[in-house]
All heavy atoms as atom14 arrays in JSON, in Angstrom:
{
  "sequence": "VHPEMPEAVLLVRVGLEVEVLRIGLGAHAFI",
  "atom14_mask": [
    [1, 1, 1, 1, 1, 1, 1, 0, 0, 0, 0, 0, 0, 0],
    [1, 1, 1, 1, 1, 1, 1, 1, 1, 1, 0, 0, 0, 0],
    [1, 1, 1, 1, 1, 1, 1, 0, 0, 0, 0, 0, 0, 0],
    [1, 1, 1, 1, 1, 1, 1, 1, 1, 0, 0, 0, 0, 0],
    [1, 1, 1, 1, 1, 1, 1, 1, 0, 0, 0, 0, 0, 0],
    [1, 1, 1, 1, 1, 1, 1, 0, 0, 0, 0, 0, 0, 0],
    [1, 1, 1, 1, 1, 1, 1, 1, 1, 0, 0, 0, 0, 0],
    [1, 1, 1, 1, 1, 0, 0, 0, 0, 0, 0, 0, 0, 0],
    [1, 1, 1, 1, 1, 1, 1, 0, 0, 0, 0, 0, 0, 0],
    [1, 1, 1, 1, 1, 1, 1, 1, 0, 0, 0, 0, 0, 0],
    [1, 1, 1, 1, 1, 1, 1, 1, 0, 0, 0, 0, 0, 0],
    [1, 1, 1, 1, 1, 1, 1, 0, 0, 0, 0, 0, 0, 0],
    [1, 1, 1, 1, 1, 1, 1, 1, 1, 1, 1, 0, 0, 0],
    [1, 1, 1, 1, 1, 1, 1, 0, 0, 0, 0, 0, 0, 0],
    [1, 1, 1, 1, 0, 0, 0, 0, 0, 0, 0, 0, 0, 0],
    [1, 1, 1, 1, 1, 1, 1, 1, 0, 0, 0, 0, 0, 0],
    [1, 1, 1, 1, 1, 1, 1, 1, 1, 0, 0, 0, 0, 0],
    [1, 1, 1, 1, 1, 1, 1, 0, 0, 0, 0, 0, 0, 0],
    [1, 1, 1, 1, 1, 1, 1, 1, 1, 0, 0, 0, 0, 0],
    [1, 1, 1, 1, 1, 1, 1, 0, 0, 0, 0, 0, 0, 0],
    [1, 1, 1, 1, 1, 1, 1, 1, 0, 0, 0, 0, 0, 0],
    [1, 1, 1, 1, 1, 1, 1, 1, 1, 1, 1, 0, 0, 0],
    [1, 1, 1, 1, 1, 1, 1, 1, 0, 0, 0, 0, 0, 0],
    [1, 1, 1, 1, 0, 0, 0, 0, 0, 0, 0, 0, 0, 0],
    [1, 1, 1, 1, 1, 1, 1, 1, 0, 0, 0, 0, 0, 0],
    [1, 1, 1, 1, 0, 0, 0, 0, 0, 0, 0, 0, 0, 0],
    [1, 1, 1, 1, 1, 0, 0, 0, 0, 0, 0, 0, 0, 0],
    [1, 1, 1, 1, 1, 1, 1, 1, 1, 1, 0, 0, 0, 0],
    [1, 1, 1, 1, 1, 0, 0, 0, 0, 0, 0, 0, 0, 0],
    [1, 1, 1, 1, 1, 1, 1, 1, 1, 1, 1, 0, 0, 0],
    [1, 1, 1, 1, 1, 1, 1, 1, 0, 0, 0, 0, 0, 0]
  ],
  "atom14_positions": [
    [[-5.79, 14.23, 19.12], [-5.5, 14.09, 17.65], [-4.35, 13.08, 17.45], [-3.35, 13.15, 18.08], [-5.03, 15.51, 17.0], [-4.76, 15.28, 15.54], [-6.21, 16.44, 17.22], [0.0, 0.0, 0.0], [0.0, 0.0, 0.0], [0.0, 0.0, 0.0], [0.0, 0.0, 0.0], [0.0, 0.0, 0.0], [0.0, 0.0, 0.0], [0.0, 0.0, 0.0]],
    [[-4.64, 12.15, 16.52], [-3.65, 11.15, 16.1], [-3.36, 11.42, 14.58], [-4.12, 10.88, 13.81], [-4.2, 9.71, 16.34], [-4.62, 9.52, 17.78], [-3.75, 9.27, 18.8], [-5.88, 9.54, 18.34], [-4.4, 9.14, 19.9], [-5.62, 9.34, 19.73], [0.0, 0.0, 0.0], [0.0, 0.0, 0.0], [0.0, 0.0, 0.0], [0.0, 0.0, 0.0]],
    [[-2.27, 12.17, 14.34], [-2.0, 12.61, 13.03], [-1.91, 11.45, 11.99], [-2.19, 11.67, 10.82], [-0.71, 13.37, 13.13], [-0.6, 13.8, 14.55], [-1.33, 12.73, 15.26], [0.0, 0.0, 0.0], [0.0, 0.0, 0.0], [0.0, 0.0, 0.0], [0.0, 0.0, 0.0], [0.0, 0.0, 0.0], [0.0, 0.0, 0.0], [0.0, 0.0, 0.0]],
    [[-1.47, 10.3, 12.35], [-1.23, 9.19, 11.48], [-2.49, 8.47, 11.12], [-2.43, 7.57, 10.29], [-0.19, 8.22, 12.03], [-0.7, 7.44, 13.29], [-0.79, 8.14, 14.61], [-0.32, 9.29, 14.72], [-1.42, 7.63, 15.48], [0.0, 0.0, 0.0], [0.0, 0.0, 0.0], [0.0, 0.0, 0.0], [0.0, 0.0, 0.0], [0.0, 0.0, 0.0]],
    [[-3.64, 8.8, 11.67], [-4.88, 8.12, 11.42], [-5.54, 8.7, 10.17], [-5.66, 9.89, 10.02], [-5.91, 8.3, 12.59], [-5.43, 7.67, 13.83], [-5.25, 5.91, 13.79], [-6.99, 5.49, 13.56], [0.0, 0.0, 0.0], [0.0, 0.0, 0.0], [0.0, 0.0, 0.0], [0.0, 0.0, 0.0], [0.0, 0.0, 0.0], [0.0, 0.0, 0.0]],
    [[-5.87, 7.83, 9.21], [-6.53, 8.28, 7.95], [-7.92, 8.83, 8.23], [-8.59, 8.39, 9.15], [-6.6, 7.02, 6.97], [-6.17, 5.88, 7.9], [-5.67, 6.39, 9.21], [0.0, 0.0, 0.0], [0.0, 0.0, 0.0], [0.0, 0.0, 0.0], [0.0, 0.0, 0.0], [0.0, 0.0, 0.0], [0.0, 0.0, 0.0], [0.0, 0.0, 0.0]],
    [[-8.24, 9.83, 7.46], [-9.62, 10.42, 7.64], [-10.18, 10.82, 6.2], [-9.42, 11.06, 5.3], [-9.52, 11.74, 8.48], [-9.35, 11.42, 9.91], [-9.4, 12.66, 10.82], [-9.38, 13.8, 10.31], [-9.52, 12.47, 12.0], [0.0, 0.0, 0.0], [0.0, 0.0, 0.0], [0.0, 0.0, 0.0], [0.0, 0.0, 0.0], [0.0, 0.0, 0.0]],
    [[-11.43, 10.9, 6.11], [-12.16, 11.42, 5.02], [-12.8, 12.67, 5.44], [-13.26, 12.84, 6.6], [-13.17, 10.37, 4.54], [0.0, 0.0, 0.0], [0.0, 0.0, 0.0], [0.0, 0.0, 0.0], [0.0, 0.0, 0.0], [0.0, 0.0, 0.0], [0.0, 0.0, 0.0], [0.0, 0.0, 0.0], [0.0, 0.0, 0.0], [0.0, 0.0, 0.0]],
    [[-12.89, 13.64, 4.54], [-13.35, 15.07, 4.94], [-14.35, 15.53, 3.9], [-14.17, 15.38, 2.67], [-12.14, 15.98, 5.02], [-12.55, 17.44, 5.4], [-11.13, 15.5, 5.91], [0.0, 0.0, 0.0], [0.0, 0.0, 0.0], [0.0, 0.0, 0.0], [0.0, 0.0, 0.0], [0.0, 0.0, 0.0], [0.0, 0.0, 0.0], [0.0, 0.0, 0.0]],
    [[-15.36, 16.15, 4.43], [-16.33, 16.95, 3.53], [-16.06, 18.36, 3.75], [-16.08, 18.85, 4.92], [-17.81, 16.59, 3.92], [-18.78, 17.38, 3.27], [-19.05, 17.17, 1.85], [-20.22, 17.13, 4.03], [0.0, 0.0, 0.0], [0.0, 0.0, 0.0], [0.0, 0.0, 0.0], [0.0, 0.0, 0.0], [0.0, 0.0, 0.0], [0.0, 0.0, 0.0]],
    [[-15.84, 19.14, 2.71], [-15.73, 20.56, 2.79], [-16.95, 21.15, 2.02], [-17.17, 20.83, 0.87], [-14.37, 20.95, 2.13], [-13.21, 20.41, 2.67], [-12.18, 20.08, 1.67], [-12.6, 21.29, 3.71], [0.0, 0.0, 0.0], [0.0, 0.0, 0.0], [0.0, 0.0, 0.0], [0.0, 0.0, 0.0], [0.0, 0.0, 0.0], [0.0, 0.0, 0.0]],
    [[-17.63, 22.02, 2.68], [-18.83, 22.62, 2.0], [-18.98, 24.07, 2.56], [-18.72, 24.39, 3.8], [-20.09, 21.83, 2.27], [-20.44, 21.8, 3.77], [-21.17, 22.25, 1.47], [0.0, 0.0, 0.0], [0.0, 0.0, 0.0], [0.0, 0.0, 0.0], [0.0, 0.0, 0.0], [0.0, 0.0, 0.0], [0.0, 0.0, 0.0], [0.0, 0.0, 0.0]],
    [[-19.31, 24.9, 1.67], [-19.53, 26.36, 2.01], [-20.96, 26.48, 2.48], [-21.95, 26.15, 1.76], [-19.25, 27.27, 0.81], [-19.27, 28.72, 1.24], [-19.08, 29.6, 0.02], [-20.31, 29.61, -0.73], [-20.32, 29.64, -2.07], [-19.3, 29.66, -2.76], [-21.57, 29.54, -2.68], [0.0, 0.0, 0.0], [0.0, 0.0, 0.0], [0.0, 0.0, 0.0]],
    [[-21.16, 27.06, 3.58], [-22.48, 27.3, 4.21], [-22.54, 28.86, 4.36], [-21.87, 29.39, 5.26], [-22.72, 26.64, 5.54], [-24.12, 27.02, 6.1], [-22.63, 25.11, 5.39], [0.0, 0.0, 0.0], [0.0, 0.0, 0.0], [0.0, 0.0, 0.0], [0.0, 0.0, 0.0], [0.0, 0.0, 0.0], [0.0, 0.0, 0.0], [0.0, 0.0, 0.0]],
    [[-23.24, 29.55, 3.46], [-23.23, 31.02, 3.48], [-21.76, 31.46, 3.03], [-21.35, 31.09, 2.0], [0.0, 0.0, 0.0], [0.0, 0.0, 0.0], [0.0, 0.0, 0.0], [0.0, 0.0, 0.0], [0.0, 0.0, 0.0], [0.0, 0.0, 0.0], [0.0, 0.0, 0.0], [0.0, 0.0, 0.0], [0.0, 0.0, 0.0], [0.0, 0.0, 0.0]],
    [[-21.19, 32.17, 3.92], [-19.86, 32.73, 3.6], [-18.76, 31.9, 4.34], [-17.62, 32.25, 4.36], [-19.76, 34.14, 4.02], [-20.69, 35.09, 3.12], [-20.56, 36.52, 3.59], [-20.34, 35.01, 1.69], [0.0, 0.0, 0.0], [0.0, 0.0, 0.0], [0.0, 0.0, 0.0], [0.0, 0.0, 0.0], [0.0, 0.0, 0.0], [0.0, 0.0, 0.0]],
    [[-19.25, 30.85, 5.16], [-18.2, 30.12, 5.9], [-18.08, 28.73, 5.3], [-18.98, 28.13, 4.64], [-18.82, 29.84, 7.32], [-19.08, 31.14, 8.17], [-17.78, 31.92, 8.38], [-16.76, 31.16, 8.74], [-17.76, 33.1, 8.38], [0.0, 0.0, 0.0], [0.0, 0.0, 0.0], [0.0, 0.0, 0.0], [0.0, 0.0, 0.0], [0.0, 0.0, 0.0]],
    [[-16.83, 28.24, 5.4], [-16.48, 26.91, 4.87], [-16.46, 25.97, 6.1], [-15.84, 26.25, 7.16], [-15.17, 26.87, 4.2], [-14.78, 25.38, 3.79], [-15.2, 27.76, 2.92], [0.0, 0.0, 0.0], [0.0, 0.0, 0.0], [0.0, 0.0, 0.0], [0.0, 0.0, 0.0], [0.0, 0.0, 0.0], [0.0, 0.0, 0.0], [0.0, 0.0, 0.0]],
    [[-17.16, 24.84, 5.97], [-17.23, 23.86, 7.09], [-16.28, 22.63, 6.71], [-16.34, 22.26, 5.52], [-18.63, 23.3, 7.3], [-19.56, 24.35, 8.02], [-20.84, 23.69, 8.44], [-20.89, 22.47, 8.67], [-21.86, 24.44, 8.52], [0.0, 0.0, 0.0], [0.0, 0.0, 0.0], [0.0, 0.0, 0.0], [0.0, 0.0, 0.0], [0.0, 0.0, 0.0]],
    [[-15.53, 22.29, 7.63], [-14.62, 21.08, 7.4], [-15.14, 20.05, 8.29], [-15.01, 20.21, 9.6], [-13.13, 21.5, 7.81], [-12.19, 20.33, 7.62], [-12.67, 22.73, 6.95], [0.0, 0.0, 0.0], [0.0, 0.0, 0.0], [0.0, 0.0, 0.0], [0.0, 0.0, 0.0], [0.0, 0.0, 0.0], [0.0, 0.0, 0.0], [0.0, 0.0, 0.0]],
    [[-15.72, 18.97, 7.72], [-16.41, 17.93, 8.62], [-15.78, 16.59, 8.25], [-15.6, 16.21, 7.08], [-17.85, 17.91, 8.2], [-18.6, 19.28, 8.26], [-19.94, 19.18, 7.68], [-18.78, 19.57, 9.83], [0.0, 0.0, 0.0], [0.0, 0.0, 0.0], [0.0, 0.0, 0.0], [0.0, 0.0, 0.0], [0.0, 0.0, 0.0], [0.0, 0.0, 0.0]],
    [[-15.33, 15.92, 9.43], [-14.82, 14.55, 9.26], [-16.08, 13.65, 8.92], [-16.96, 13.69, 9.54], [-14.05, 14.12, 10.49], [-13.49, 12.79, 10.33], [-12.64, 12.56, 11.55], [-13.46, 12.5, 12.69], [-13.15, 11.81, 13.86], [-12.01, 11.19, 13.92], [-13.92, 11.87, 14.85], [0.0, 0.0, 0.0], [0.0, 0.0, 0.0], [0.0, 0.0, 0.0]],
    [[-15.85, 12.73, 7.92], [-17.0, 11.81, 7.6], [-16.3, 10.43, 7.48], [-15.06, 10.24, 7.41], [-17.56, 12.21, 6.26], [-16.54, 12.24, 5.1], [-18.35, 13.46, 6.35], [-17.19, 12.46, 3.75], [0.0, 0.0, 0.0], [0.0, 0.0, 0.0], [0.0, 0.0, 0.0], [0.0, 0.0, 0.0], [0.0, 0.0, 0.0], [0.0, 0.0, 0.0]],
    [[-17.11, 9.4, 7.51], [-16.68, 8.01, 7.5], [-16.34, 7.7, 6.03], [-16.68, 8.34, 5.1], [0.0, 0.0, 0.0], [0.0, 0.0, 0.0], [0.0, 0.0, 0.0], [0.0, 0.0, 0.0], [0.0, 0.0, 0.0], [0.0, 0.0, 0.0], [0.0, 0.0, 0.0], [0.0, 0.0, 0.0], [0.0, 0.0, 0.0], [0.0, 0.0, 0.0]],
    [[-15.63, 6.51, 5.86], [-15.29, 6.16, 4.55], [-16.48, 5.76, 3.72], [-16.51, 5.96, 2.46], [-14.26, 4.94, 4.63], [-12.97, 5.24, 5.24], [-12.09, 4.06, 5.28], [-12.27, 6.44, 4.55], [0.0, 0.0, 0.0], [0.0, 0.0, 0.0], [0.0, 0.0, 0.0], [0.0, 0.0, 0.0], [0.0, 0.0, 0.0], [0.0, 0.0, 0.0]],
    [[-17.53, 5.18, 4.31], [-18.77, 4.9, 3.6], [-19.42, 6.22, 3.11], [-19.8, 6.23, 2.0], [0.0, 0.0, 0.0], [0.0, 0.0, 0.0], [0.0, 0.0, 0.0], [0.0, 0.0, 0.0], [0.0, 0.0, 0.0], [0.0, 0.0, 0.0], [0.0, 0.0, 0.0], [0.0, 0.0, 0.0], [0.0, 0.0, 0.0], [0.0, 0.0, 0.0]],
    [[-19.51, 7.2, 3.99], [-20.05, 8.5, 3.52], [-19.19, 9.12, 2.35], [-19.71, 9.65, 1.46], [-20.03, 9.44, 4.7], [0.0, 0.0, 0.0], [0.0, 0.0, 0.0], [0.0, 0.0, 0.0], [0.0, 0.0, 0.0], [0.0, 0.0, 0.0], [0.0, 0.0, 0.0], [0.0, 0.0, 0.0], [0.0, 0.0, 0.0], [0.0, 0.0, 0.0]],
    [[-17.86, 8.92, 2.51], [-17.01, 9.44, 1.35], [-17.34, 8.85, 0.09], [-17.51, 9.45, -0.91], [-15.59, 9.19, 1.76], [-14.6, 9.74, 0.69], [-14.24, 9.0, -0.37], [-13.94, 10.9, 0.58], [-13.36, 9.61, -1.16], [-13.28, 10.84, -0.61], [0.0, 0.0, 0.0], [0.0, 0.0, 0.0], [0.0, 0.0, 0.0], [0.0, 0.0, 0.0]],
    [[-17.49, 7.5, 0.05], [-17.79, 6.74, -1.18], [-19.27, 7.16, -1.65], [-19.43, 7.35, -2.86], [-17.85, 5.21, -0.88], [0.0, 0.0, 0.0], [0.0, 0.0, 0.0], [0.0, 0.0, 0.0], [0.0, 0.0, 0.0], [0.0, 0.0, 0.0], [0.0, 0.0, 0.0], [0.0, 0.0, 0.0], [0.0, 0.0, 0.0], [0.0, 0.0, 0.0]],
    [[-20.23, 7.27, -0.73], [-21.59, 7.73, -1.16], [-21.59, 9.06, -1.76], [-22.1, 9.25, -2.83], [-22.41, 7.75, 0.21], [-23.85, 8.1, -0.04], [-24.79, 7.24, -0.72], [-24.38, 9.26, 0.51], [-26.08, 7.55, -0.9], [-25.73, 9.62, 0.37], [-26.6, 8.76, -0.32], [0.0, 0.0, 0.0], [0.0, 0.0, 0.0], [0.0, 0.0, 0.0]],
    [[-20.93, 10.07, -1.14], [-21.0, 11.43, -1.66], [-20.13, 11.49, -2.97], [-20.53, 12.2, -3.85], [-20.48, 12.39, -0.53], [-21.43, 12.42, 0.64], [-20.27, 13.83, -1.1], [-20.96, 13.15, 1.91], [0.0, 0.0, 0.0], [0.0, 0.0, 0.0], [0.0, 0.0, 0.0], [0.0, 0.0, 0.0], [0.0, 0.0, 0.0], [0.0, 0.0, 0.0]]
  ]
}
């Protein structure tokens, strides 16, 4: 893990669980 690296994240509930998924900047703009 490199804490200083920027990331984009998708958070979505699947059933009763929340998924935390790293996504690219293009995916972030798209979503």
